[in-house]
Amino acid sequence: LMDLMLVCTNVPKMAANFLSGRKSISFVGCGLQIGL
């Protein structure tokens, strides 16, 4: 369960940024990534 949550914390956002060409993340989103 921890591994499942860990891999879903960072990879989807990384993939979305790469495919869309956008590299931004919101301030709140950044904080949530750090906390998780």
Full PDB file with SEQRES, HELIX, SHEET, SSBOND, CRYST1, ORIGX, SCALE, CONECT and MASTER records, all heavy atoms in Angstrom:
SEQRES   1 A   36  LEU MET ASP LEU MET LEU VAL CYS THR ASN VAL PRO LYS          
SEQRES   2 A   36  MET ALA ALA ASN PHE LEU SER GLY ARG LYS SER ILE SER          
SEQRES   3 A   36  PHE VAL GLY CYS GLY LEU GLN ILE GLY LEU                      
HELIX    1 AA1 MET A    2  SER A   20  1                                  19    
HELIX    2 AA2 PHE A   27  GLY A   35  1                                   9    
CRYST1    1.000    1.000    1.000  90.00  90.00  90.00 P 1           1          
ORIGX1      1.000000  0.000000  0.000000        0.00000                         
ORIGX2      0.000000  1.000000  0.000000        0.00000                         
ORIGX3      0.000000  0.000000  1.000000        0.00000                         
SCALE1      1.000000  0.000000  0.000000        0.00000                         
SCALE2      0.000000  1.000000  0.000000        0.00000                         
SCALE3      0.000000  0.000000  1.000000        0.00000                         
ATOM      1  N   LEU A   1       0.835  -1.203   0.000  1.00  0.00           N  
ATOM      2  CA  LEU A   1       0.000   0.000   0.000  1.00  0.00           C  
ATOM      3  C   LEU A   1       0.872   1.256   0.000  1.00  0.00           C  
ATOM      4  O   LEU A   1       0.592   2.221  -0.729  1.00  0.00           O  
ATOM      5  CB  LEU A   1      -0.921  -0.005   1.221  1.00  0.00           C  
ATOM      6  CG  LEU A   1      -1.842   1.210   1.382  1.00  0.00           C  
ATOM      7  CD1 LEU A   1      -2.770   1.353   0.175  1.00  0.00           C  
ATOM      8  CD2 LEU A   1      -2.654   1.093   2.678  1.00  0.00           C  
ATOM      9  N   MET A   2       1.941   1.240   0.799  1.00  0.00           N  
ATOM     10  CA  MET A   2       2.873   2.381   0.821  1.00  0.00           C  
ATOM     11  C   MET A   2       3.548   2.555  -0.530  1.00  0.00           C  
ATOM     12  O   MET A   2       3.679   3.687  -1.031  1.00  0.00           O  
ATOM     13  CB  MET A   2       3.926   2.171   1.912  1.00  0.00           C  
ATOM     14  CG  MET A   2       3.384   2.222   3.325  1.00  0.00           C  
ATOM     15  SD  MET A   2       4.630   1.749   4.547  1.00  0.00           S  
ATOM     16  CE  MET A   2       3.661   1.779   6.070  1.00  0.00           C  
ATOM     17  N   ASP A   3       3.982   1.453  -1.135  1.00  0.00           N  
ATOM     18  CA  ASP A   3       4.619   1.524  -2.457  1.00  0.00           C  
ATOM     19  C   ASP A   3       3.638   2.040  -3.509  1.00  0.00           C  
ATOM     20  O   ASP A   3       4.014   2.817  -4.390  1.00  0.00           O  
ATOM     21  CB  ASP A   3       5.138   0.143  -2.867  1.00  0.00           C  
ATOM     22  CG  ASP A   3       6.460  -0.202  -2.209  1.00  0.00           C  
ATOM     23  OD1 ASP A   3       7.180   0.728  -1.809  1.00  0.00           O  
ATOM     24  OD2 ASP A   3       6.776  -1.399  -2.083  1.00  0.00           O  
ATOM     25  N   LEU A   4       2.402   1.584  -3.413  1.00  0.00           N  
ATOM     26  CA  LEU A   4       1.371   2.016  -4.357  1.00  0.00           C  
ATOM     27  C   LEU A   4       1.142   3.527  -4.271  1.00  0.00           C  
ATOM     28  O   LEU A   4       1.084   4.227  -5.287  1.00  0.00           O  
ATOM     29  CB  LEU A   4       0.071   1.263  -4.063  1.00  0.00           C  
ATOM     30  CG  LEU A   4      -1.109   1.508  -4.995  1.00  0.00           C  
ATOM     31  CD1 LEU A   4      -0.780   1.070  -6.414  1.00  0.00           C  
ATOM     32  CD2 LEU A   4      -2.336   0.749  -4.486  1.00  0.00           C  
ATOM     33  N   MET A   5       1.049   4.033  -3.050  1.00  0.00           N  
ATOM     34  CA  MET A   5       0.853   5.468  -2.852  1.00  0.00           C  
ATOM     35  C   MET A   5       2.092   6.259  -3.260  1.00  0.00           C  
ATOM     36  O   MET A   5       1.990   7.344  -3.834  1.00  0.00           O  
ATOM     37  CB  MET A   5       0.500   5.750  -1.392  1.00  0.00           C  
ATOM     38  CG  MET A   5      -0.838   5.169  -0.967  1.00  0.00           C  
ATOM     39  SD  MET A   5      -1.170   5.418   0.799  1.00  0.00           S  
ATOM     40  CE  MET A   5      -1.304   7.202   0.877  1.00  0.00           C  
ATOM     41  N   LEU A   6       3.274   5.689  -2.974  1.00  0.00           N  
ATOM     42  CA  LEU A   6       4.526   6.382  -3.303  1.00  0.00           C  
ATOM     43  C   LEU A   6       4.686   6.552  -4.809  1.00  0.00           C  
ATOM     44  O   LEU A   6       5.040   7.631  -5.292  1.00  0.00           O  
ATOM     45  CB  LEU A   6       5.715   5.607  -2.726  1.00  0.00           C  
ATOM     46  CG  LEU A   6       7.108   6.196  -2.968  1.00  0.00           C  
ATOM     47  CD1 LEU A   6       7.231   7.574  -2.330  1.00  0.00           C  
ATOM     48  CD2 LEU A   6       8.193   5.269  -2.425  1.00  0.00           C  
ATOM     49  N   VAL A   7       4.421   5.501  -5.548  1.00  0.00           N  
ATOM     50  CA  VAL A   7       4.618   5.558  -6.996  1.00  0.00           C  
ATOM     51  C   VAL A   7       3.573   6.463  -7.656  1.00  0.00           C  
ATOM     52  O   VAL A   7       3.811   7.013  -8.739  1.00  0.00           O  
ATOM     53  CB  VAL A   7       4.586   4.128  -7.590  1.00  0.00           C  
ATOM     54  CG1 VAL A   7       3.171   3.620  -7.772  1.00  0.00           C  
ATOM     55  CG2 VAL A   7       5.328   4.055  -8.917  1.00  0.00           C  
ATOM     56  N   CYS A   8       2.405   6.630  -6.995  1.00  0.00           N  
ATOM     57  CA  CYS A   8       1.360   7.501  -7.541  1.00  0.00           C  
ATOM     58  C   CYS A   8       1.529   8.958  -7.104  1.00  0.00           C  
ATOM     59  O   CYS A   8       0.812   9.826  -7.614  1.00  0.00           O  
ATOM     60  CB  CYS A   8      -0.015   7.002  -7.105  1.00  0.00           C  
ATOM     61  SG  CYS A   8      -0.500   5.441  -7.866  1.00  0.00           S  
ATOM     62  N   THR A   9       2.449   9.215  -6.202  1.00  0.00           N  
ATOM     63  CA  THR A   9       2.647  10.582  -5.714  1.00  0.00           C  
ATOM     64  C   THR A   9       3.385  11.450  -6.726  1.00  0.00           C  
ATOM     65  O   THR A   9       3.060  12.631  -6.908  1.00  0.00           O  
ATOM     66  CB  THR A   9       3.430  10.560  -4.383  1.00  0.00           C  
ATOM     67  OG1 THR A   9       2.661   9.862  -3.397  1.00  0.00           O  
ATOM     68  CG2 THR A   9       3.708  11.972  -3.877  1.00  0.00           C  
ATOM     69  N   ASN A  10       4.381  10.878  -7.408  1.00  0.00           N  
ATOM     70  CA  ASN A  10       5.254  11.677  -8.260  1.00  0.00           C  
ATOM     71  C   ASN A  10       5.177  11.355  -9.746  1.00  0.00           C  
ATOM     72  O   ASN A  10       5.260  12.256 -10.587  1.00  0.00           O  
ATOM     73  CB  ASN A  10       6.712  11.504  -7.806  1.00  0.00           C  
ATOM     74  CG  ASN A  10       6.910  11.880  -6.356  1.00  0.00           C  
ATOM     75  OD1 ASN A  10       6.255  12.781  -5.851  1.00  0.00           O  
ATOM     76  ND2 ASN A  10       7.815  11.196  -5.674  1.00  0.00           N  
ATOM     77  N   VAL A  11       5.029  10.075 -10.087  1.00  0.00           N  
ATOM     78  CA  VAL A  11       5.147   9.664 -11.488  1.00  0.00           C  
ATOM     79  C   VAL A  11       4.030  10.218 -12.377  1.00  0.00           C  
ATOM     80  O   VAL A  11       4.318  10.695 -13.482  1.00  0.00           O  
ATOM     81  CB  VAL A  11       5.236   8.127 -11.601  1.00  0.00           C  
ATOM     82  CG1 VAL A  11       5.330   7.709 -13.064  1.00  0.00           C  
ATOM     83  CG2 VAL A  11       6.446   7.613 -10.837  1.00  0.00           C  
ATOM     84  N   PRO A  12       2.749  10.165 -11.972  1.00  0.00           N  
ATOM     85  CA  PRO A  12       1.711  10.707 -12.863  1.00  0.00           C  
ATOM     86  C   PRO A  12       1.918  12.174 -13.220  1.00  0.00           C  
ATOM     87  O   PRO A  12       1.719  12.569 -14.381  1.00  0.00           O  
ATOM     88  CB  PRO A  12       0.421  10.503 -12.047  1.00  0.00           C  
ATOM     89  CG  PRO A  12       0.720   9.343 -11.163  1.00  0.00           C  
ATOM     90  CD  PRO A  12       2.157   9.511 -10.791  1.00  0.00           C  
ATOM     91  N   LYS A  13       2.339  12.982 -12.256  1.00  0.00           N  
ATOM     92  CA  LYS A  13       2.582  14.396 -12.531  1.00  0.00           C  
ATOM     93  C   LYS A  13       3.777  14.561 -13.462  1.00  0.00           C  
ATOM     94  O   LYS A  13       3.744  15.393 -14.383  1.00  0.00           O  
ATOM     95  CB  LYS A  13       2.833  15.148 -11.220  1.00  0.00           C  
ATOM     96  CG  LYS A  13       3.117  16.644 -11.394  1.00  0.00           C  
ATOM     97  CD  LYS A  13       1.964  17.375 -12.039  1.00  0.00           C  
ATOM     98  CE  LYS A  13       2.237  18.856 -12.148  1.00  0.00           C  
ATOM     99  NZ  LYS A  13       1.162  19.571 -12.897  1.00  0.00           N  
ATOM    100  N   MET A  14       4.823  13.770 -13.246  1.00  0.00           N  
ATOM    101  CA  MET A  14       5.994  13.824 -14.118  1.00  0.00           C  
ATOM    102  C   MET A  14       5.604  13.459 -15.553  1.00  0.00           C  
ATOM    103  O   MET A  14       5.996  14.130 -16.515  1.00  0.00           O  
ATOM    104  CB  MET A  14       7.074  12.863 -13.621  1.00  0.00           C  
ATOM    105  CG  MET A  14       8.311  12.792 -14.498  1.00  0.00           C  
ATOM    106  SD  MET A  14       9.336  11.340 -14.206  1.00  0.00           S  
ATOM    107  CE  MET A  14       8.319  10.054 -14.944  1.00  0.00           C  
ATOM    108  N   ALA A  15       4.803  12.394 -15.704  1.00  0.00           N  
ATOM    109  CA  ALA A  15       4.382  11.952 -17.036  1.00  0.00           C  
ATOM    110  C   ALA A  15       3.478  12.991 -17.705  1.00  0.00           C  
ATOM    111  O   ALA A  15       3.616  13.267 -18.900  1.00  0.00           O  
ATOM    112  CB  ALA A  15       3.651  10.614 -16.923  1.00  0.00           C  
ATOM    113  N   ALA A  16       2.570  13.571 -16.922  1.00  0.00           N  
ATOM    114  CA  ALA A  16       1.663  14.586 -17.481  1.00  0.00           C  
ATOM    115  C   ALA A  16       2.437  15.805 -17.974  1.00  0.00           C  
ATOM    116  O   ALA A  16       2.158  16.349 -19.045  1.00  0.00           O  
ATOM    117  CB  ALA A  16       0.635  14.991 -16.428  1.00  0.00           C  
ATOM    118  N   ASN A  17       3.425  16.237 -17.191  1.00  0.00           N  
ATOM    119  CA  ASN A  17       4.238  17.389 -17.598  1.00  0.00           C  
ATOM    120  C   ASN A  17       5.041  17.083 -18.863  1.00  0.00           C  
ATOM    121  O   ASN A  17       5.165  17.924 -19.753  1.00  0.00           O  
ATOM    122  CB  ASN A  17       5.187  17.791 -16.468  1.00  0.00           C  
ATOM    123  CG  ASN A  17       4.481  18.557 -15.360  1.00  0.00           C  
ATOM    124  OD1 ASN A  17       3.287  18.818 -15.436  1.00  0.00           O  
ATOM    125  ND2 ASN A  17       5.215  18.914 -14.327  1.00  0.00           N  
ATOM    126  N   PHE A  18       5.581  15.878 -18.934  1.00  0.00           N  
ATOM    127  CA  PHE A  18       6.394  15.504 -20.095  1.00  0.00           C  
ATOM    128  C   PHE A  18       5.543  15.443 -21.356  1.00  0.00           C  
ATOM    129  O   PHE A  18       5.935  15.951 -22.416  1.00  0.00           O  
ATOM    130  CB  PHE A  18       7.060  14.151 -19.837  1.00  0.00           C  
ATOM    131  CG  PHE A  18       7.920  13.670 -20.974  1.00  0.00           C  
ATOM    132  CD1 PHE A  18       9.226  14.115 -21.104  1.00  0.00           C  
ATOM    133  CD2 PHE A  18       7.417  12.782 -21.916  1.00  0.00           C  
ATOM    134  CE1 PHE A  18      10.021  13.680 -22.166  1.00  0.00           C  
ATOM    135  CE2 PHE A  18       8.203  12.335 -22.971  1.00  0.00           C  
ATOM    136  CZ  PHE A  18       9.504  12.795 -23.094  1.00  0.00           C  
ATOM    137  N   LEU A  19       4.363  14.839 -21.259  1.00  0.00           N  
ATOM    138  CA  LEU A  19       3.513  14.656 -22.436  1.00  0.00           C  
ATOM    139  C   LEU A  19       2.853  15.957 -22.881  1.00  0.00           C  
ATOM    140  O   LEU A  19       2.642  16.175 -24.078  1.00  0.00           O  
ATOM    141  CB  LEU A  19       2.445  13.606 -22.139  1.00  0.00           C  
ATOM    142  CG  LEU A  19       2.957  12.180 -21.918  1.00  0.00           C  
ATOM    143  CD1 LEU A  19       1.830  11.262 -21.479  1.00  0.00           C  
ATOM    144  CD2 LEU A  19       3.630  11.630 -23.172  1.00  0.00           C  
ATOM    145  N   SER A  20       2.526  16.820 -21.923  1.00  0.00           N  
ATOM    146  CA  SER A  20       1.851  18.070 -22.259  1.00  0.00           C  
ATOM    147  C   SER A  20       2.812  19.198 -22.616  1.00  0.00           C  
ATOM    148  O   SER A  20       2.415  20.190 -23.235  1.00  0.00           O  
ATOM    149  CB  SER A  20       0.958  18.518 -21.099  1.00  0.00           C  
ATOM    150  OG  SER A  20       1.750  18.876 -19.970  1.00  0.00           O  
ATOM    151  N   GLY A  21       4.073  19.048 -22.214  1.00  0.00           N  
ATOM    152  CA  GLY A  21       5.042  20.113 -22.440  1.00  0.00           C  
ATOM    153  C   GLY A  21       5.035  21.168 -21.353  1.00  0.00           C  
ATOM    154  O   GLY A  21       5.894  22.053 -21.325  1.00  0.00           O  
ATOM    155  N   ARG A  22       4.064  21.087 -20.452  1.00  0.00           N  
ATOM    156  CA  ARG A  22       4.029  22.006 -19.309  1.00  0.00           C  
ATOM    157  C   ARG A  22       4.892  21.455 -18.187  1.00  0.00           C  
ATOM    158  O   ARG A  22       4.950  20.247 -17.967  1.00  0.00           O  
ATOM    159  CB  ARG A  22       2.594  22.177 -18.803  1.00  0.00           C  
ATOM    160  CG  ARG A  22       1.653  22.823 -19.812  1.00  0.00           C  
ATOM    161  CD  ARG A  22       0.278  22.975 -19.192  1.00  0.00           C  
ATOM    162  NE  ARG A  22       0.338  23.783 -17.976  1.00  0.00           N  
ATOM    163  CZ  ARG A  22      -0.660  23.857 -17.095  1.00  0.00           C  
ATOM    164  NH1 ARG A  22      -1.762  23.150 -17.282  1.00  0.00           N  
ATOM    165  NH2 ARG A  22      -0.542  24.620 -16.030  1.00  0.00           N  
ATOM    166  N   LYS A  23       5.553  22.314 -17.472  1.00  0.00           N  
ATOM    167  CA  LYS A  23       6.435  21.869 -16.395  1.00  0.00           C  
ATOM    168  C   LYS A  23       6.051  22.463 -15.046  1.00  0.00           C  
ATOM    169  O   LYS A  23       6.812  22.378 -14.090  1.00  0.00           O  
ATOM    170  CB  LYS A  23       7.886  22.246 -16.716  1.00  0.00           C  
ATOM    171  CG  LYS A  23       8.433  21.551 -17.959  1.00  0.00           C  
ATOM    172  CD  LYS A  23       9.903  21.845 -18.150  1.00  0.00           C  
ATOM    173  CE  LYS A  23      10.461  21.096 -19.348  1.00  0.00           C  
ATOM    174  NZ  LYS A  23      11.918  21.314 -19.528  1.00  0.00           N  
ATOM    175  N   SER A  24       4.885  23.038 -14.958  1.00  0.00           N  
ATOM    176  CA  SER A  24       4.507  23.738 -13.735  1.00  0.00           C  
ATOM    177  C   SER A  24       3.802  22.814 -12.754  1.00  0.00           C  
ATOM    178  O   SER A  24       3.228  21.793 -13.123  1.00  0.00           O  
ATOM    179  CB  SER A  24       3.587  24.914 -14.074  1.00  0.00           C  
ATOM    180  OG  SER A  24       2.394  24.446 -14.670  1.00  0.00           O  
ATOM    181  N   ILE A  25       3.876  23.200 -11.487  1.00  0.00           N  
ATOM    182  CA  ILE A  25       3.121  22.553 -10.416  1.00  0.00           C  
ATOM    183  C   ILE A  25       2.709  23.649  -9.443  1.00  0.00           C  
ATOM    184  O   ILE A  25       3.490  24.564  -9.161  1.00  0.00           O  
ATOM    185  CB  ILE A  25       3.945  21.456  -9.703  1.00  0.00           C  
ATOM    186  CG1 ILE A  25       3.084  20.748  -8.644  1.00  0.00           C  
ATOM    187  CG2 ILE A  25       5.215  22.004  -9.088  1.00  0.00           C  
ATOM    188  CD1 ILE A  25       3.750  19.517  -8.053  1.00  0.00           C  
ATOM    189  N   SER A  26       1.500  23.595  -8.962  1.00  0.00           N  
ATOM    190  CA  SER A  26       1.004  24.644  -8.078  1.00  0.00           C  
ATOM    191  C   SER A  26       1.727  24.603  -6.734  1.00  0.00           C  
ATOM    192  O   SER A  26       2.328  23.587  -6.361  1.00  0.00           O  
ATOM    193  CB  SER A  26      -0.498  24.491  -7.864  1.00  0.00           C  
ATOM    194  OG  SER A  26      -0.769  23.307  -7.116  1.00  0.00           O  
ATOM    195  N   PHE A  27       1.643  25.714  -6.011  1.00  0.00           N  
ATOM    196  CA  PHE A  27       2.277  25.794  -4.695  1.00  0.00           C  
ATOM    197  C   PHE A  27       1.696  24.738  -3.757  1.00  0.00           C  
ATOM    198  O   PHE A  27       2.434  24.034  -3.059  1.00  0.00           O  
ATOM    199  CB  PHE A  27       2.065  27.194  -4.113  1.00  0.00           C  
ATOM    200  CG  PHE A  27       2.741  27.416  -2.795  1.00  0.00           C  
ATOM    201  CD1 PHE A  27       4.067  27.812  -2.729  1.00  0.00           C  
ATOM    202  CD2 PHE A  27       2.053  27.243  -1.604  1.00  0.00           C  
ATOM    203  CE1 PHE A  27       4.698  28.003  -1.507  1.00  0.00           C  
ATOM    204  CE2 PHE A  27       2.675  27.437  -0.381  1.00  0.00           C  
ATOM    205  CZ  PHE A  27       3.997  27.826  -0.334  1.00  0.00           C  
ATOM    206  N   VAL A  28       0.365  24.611  -3.748  1.00  0.00           N  
ATOM    207  CA  VAL A  28      -0.288  23.620  -2.885  1.00  0.00           C  
ATOM    208  C   VAL A  28       0.070  22.205  -3.331  1.00  0.00           C  
ATOM    209  O   VAL A  28       0.352  21.328  -2.504  1.00  0.00           O  
ATOM    210  CB  VAL A  28      -1.820  23.824  -2.891  1.00  0.00           C  
ATOM    211  CG1 VAL A  28      -2.507  22.701  -2.114  1.00  0.00           C  
ATOM    212  CG2 VAL A  28      -2.173  25.173  -2.298  1.00  0.00           C  
ATOM    213  N   GLY A  29       0.088  21.977  -4.652  1.00  0.00           N  
ATOM    214  CA  GLY A  29       0.462  20.664  -5.163  1.00  0.00           C  
ATOM    215  C   GLY A  29       1.878  20.283  -4.783  1.00  0.00           C  
ATOM    216  O   GLY A  29       2.154  19.123  -4.457  1.00  0.00           O  
ATOM    217  N   CYS A  30       2.770  21.257  -4.805  1.00  0.00           N  
ATOM    218  CA  CYS A  30       4.153  21.017  -4.411  1.00  0.00           C  
ATOM    219  C   CYS A  30       4.224  20.628  -2.936  1.00  0.00           C  
ATOM    220  O   CYS A  30       4.929  19.694  -2.558  1.00  0.00           O  
ATOM    221  CB  CYS A  30       4.984  22.274  -4.681  1.00  0.00           C  
ATOM    222  SG  CYS A  30       6.756  22.041  -4.492  1.00  0.00           S  
ATOM    223  N   GLY A  31       3.473  21.349  -2.101  1.00  0.00           N  
ATOM    224  CA  GLY A  31       3.453  21.030  -0.678  1.00  0.00           C  
ATOM    225  C   GLY A  31       2.917  19.638  -0.410  1.00  0.00           C  
ATOM    226  O   GLY A  31       3.446  18.897   0.429  1.00  0.00           O  
ATOM    227  N   LEU A  32       1.867  19.249  -1.134  1.00  0.00           N  
ATOM    228  CA  LEU A  32       1.295  17.916  -0.960  1.00  0.00           C  
ATOM    229  C   LEU A  32       2.273  16.829  -1.385  1.00  0.00           C  
ATOM    230  O   LEU A  32       2.362  15.780  -0.742  1.00  0.00           O  
ATOM    231  CB  LEU A  32      -0.008  17.800  -1.761  1.00  0.00           C  
ATOM    232  CG  LEU A  32      -1.196  18.610  -1.229  1.00  0.00           C  
ATOM    233  CD1 LEU A  32      -2.378  18.512  -2.177  1.00  0.00           C  
ATOM    234  CD2 LEU A  32      -1.586  18.140   0.166  1.00  0.00           C  
ATOM    235  N   GLN A  33       3.013  17.076  -2.468  1.00  0.00           N  
ATOM    236  CA  GLN A  33       4.019  16.102  -2.893  1.00  0.00           C  
ATOM    237  C   GLN A  33       5.074  15.902  -1.818  1.00  0.00           C  
ATOM    238  O   GLN A  33       5.465  14.773  -1.513  1.00  0.00           O  
ATOM    239  CB  GLN A  33       4.689  16.561  -4.195  1.00  0.00           C  
ATOM    240  CG  GLN A  33       3.999  16.092  -5.448  1.00  0.00           C  
ATOM    241  CD  GLN A  33       4.894  16.194  -6.677  1.00  0.00           C  
ATOM    242  OE1 GLN A  33       5.942  16.841  -6.673  1.00  0.00           O  
ATOM    243  NE2 GLN A  33       4.492  15.540  -7.748  1.00  0.00           N  
ATOM    244  N   ILE A  34       5.546  16.998  -1.234  1.00  0.00           N  
ATOM    245  CA  ILE A  34       6.559  16.906  -0.183  1.00  0.00           C  
ATOM    246  C   ILE A  34       6.016  16.125   1.009  1.00  0.00           C  
ATOM    247  O   ILE A  34       6.664  15.209   1.528  1.00  0.00           O  
ATOM    248  CB  ILE A  34       7.026  18.304   0.253  1.00  0.00           C  
ATOM    249  CG1 ILE A  34       7.838  18.973  -0.846  1.00  0.00           C  
ATOM    250  CG2 ILE A  34       7.853  18.232   1.542  1.00  0.00           C  
ATOM    251  CD1 ILE A  34       8.218  20.402  -0.562  1.00  0.00           C  
ATOM    252  N   GLY A  35       4.811  16.494   1.466  1.00  0.00           N  
ATOM    253  CA  GLY A  35       4.231  15.837   2.628  1.00  0.00           C  
ATOM    254  C   GLY A  35       4.025  14.351   2.416  1.00  0.00           C  
ATOM    255  O   GLY A  35       4.385  13.528   3.264  1.00  0.00           O  
ATOM    256  N   LEU A  36       3.435  13.981   1.271  1.00  0.00           N  
ATOM    257  CA  LEU A  36       3.183  12.576   0.986  1.00  0.00           C  
ATOM    258  C   LEU A  36       4.473  11.789   0.821  1.00  0.00           C  
ATOM    259  O   LEU A  36       4.605  10.664   1.326  1.00  0.00           O  
ATOM    260  CB  LEU A  36       2.327  12.450  -0.278  1.00  0.00           C  
ATOM    261  CG  LEU A  36       0.844  12.807  -0.130  1.00  0.00           C  
ATOM    262  CD1 LEU A  36       0.172  12.870  -1.493  1.00  0.00           C  
ATOM    263  CD2 LEU A  36       0.139  11.793   0.762  1.00  0.00           C  
TER     264      LEU A  36                                                      
MASTER        0    0    0    2    0    0    0    6  263    1    0    3          
END                                                                             
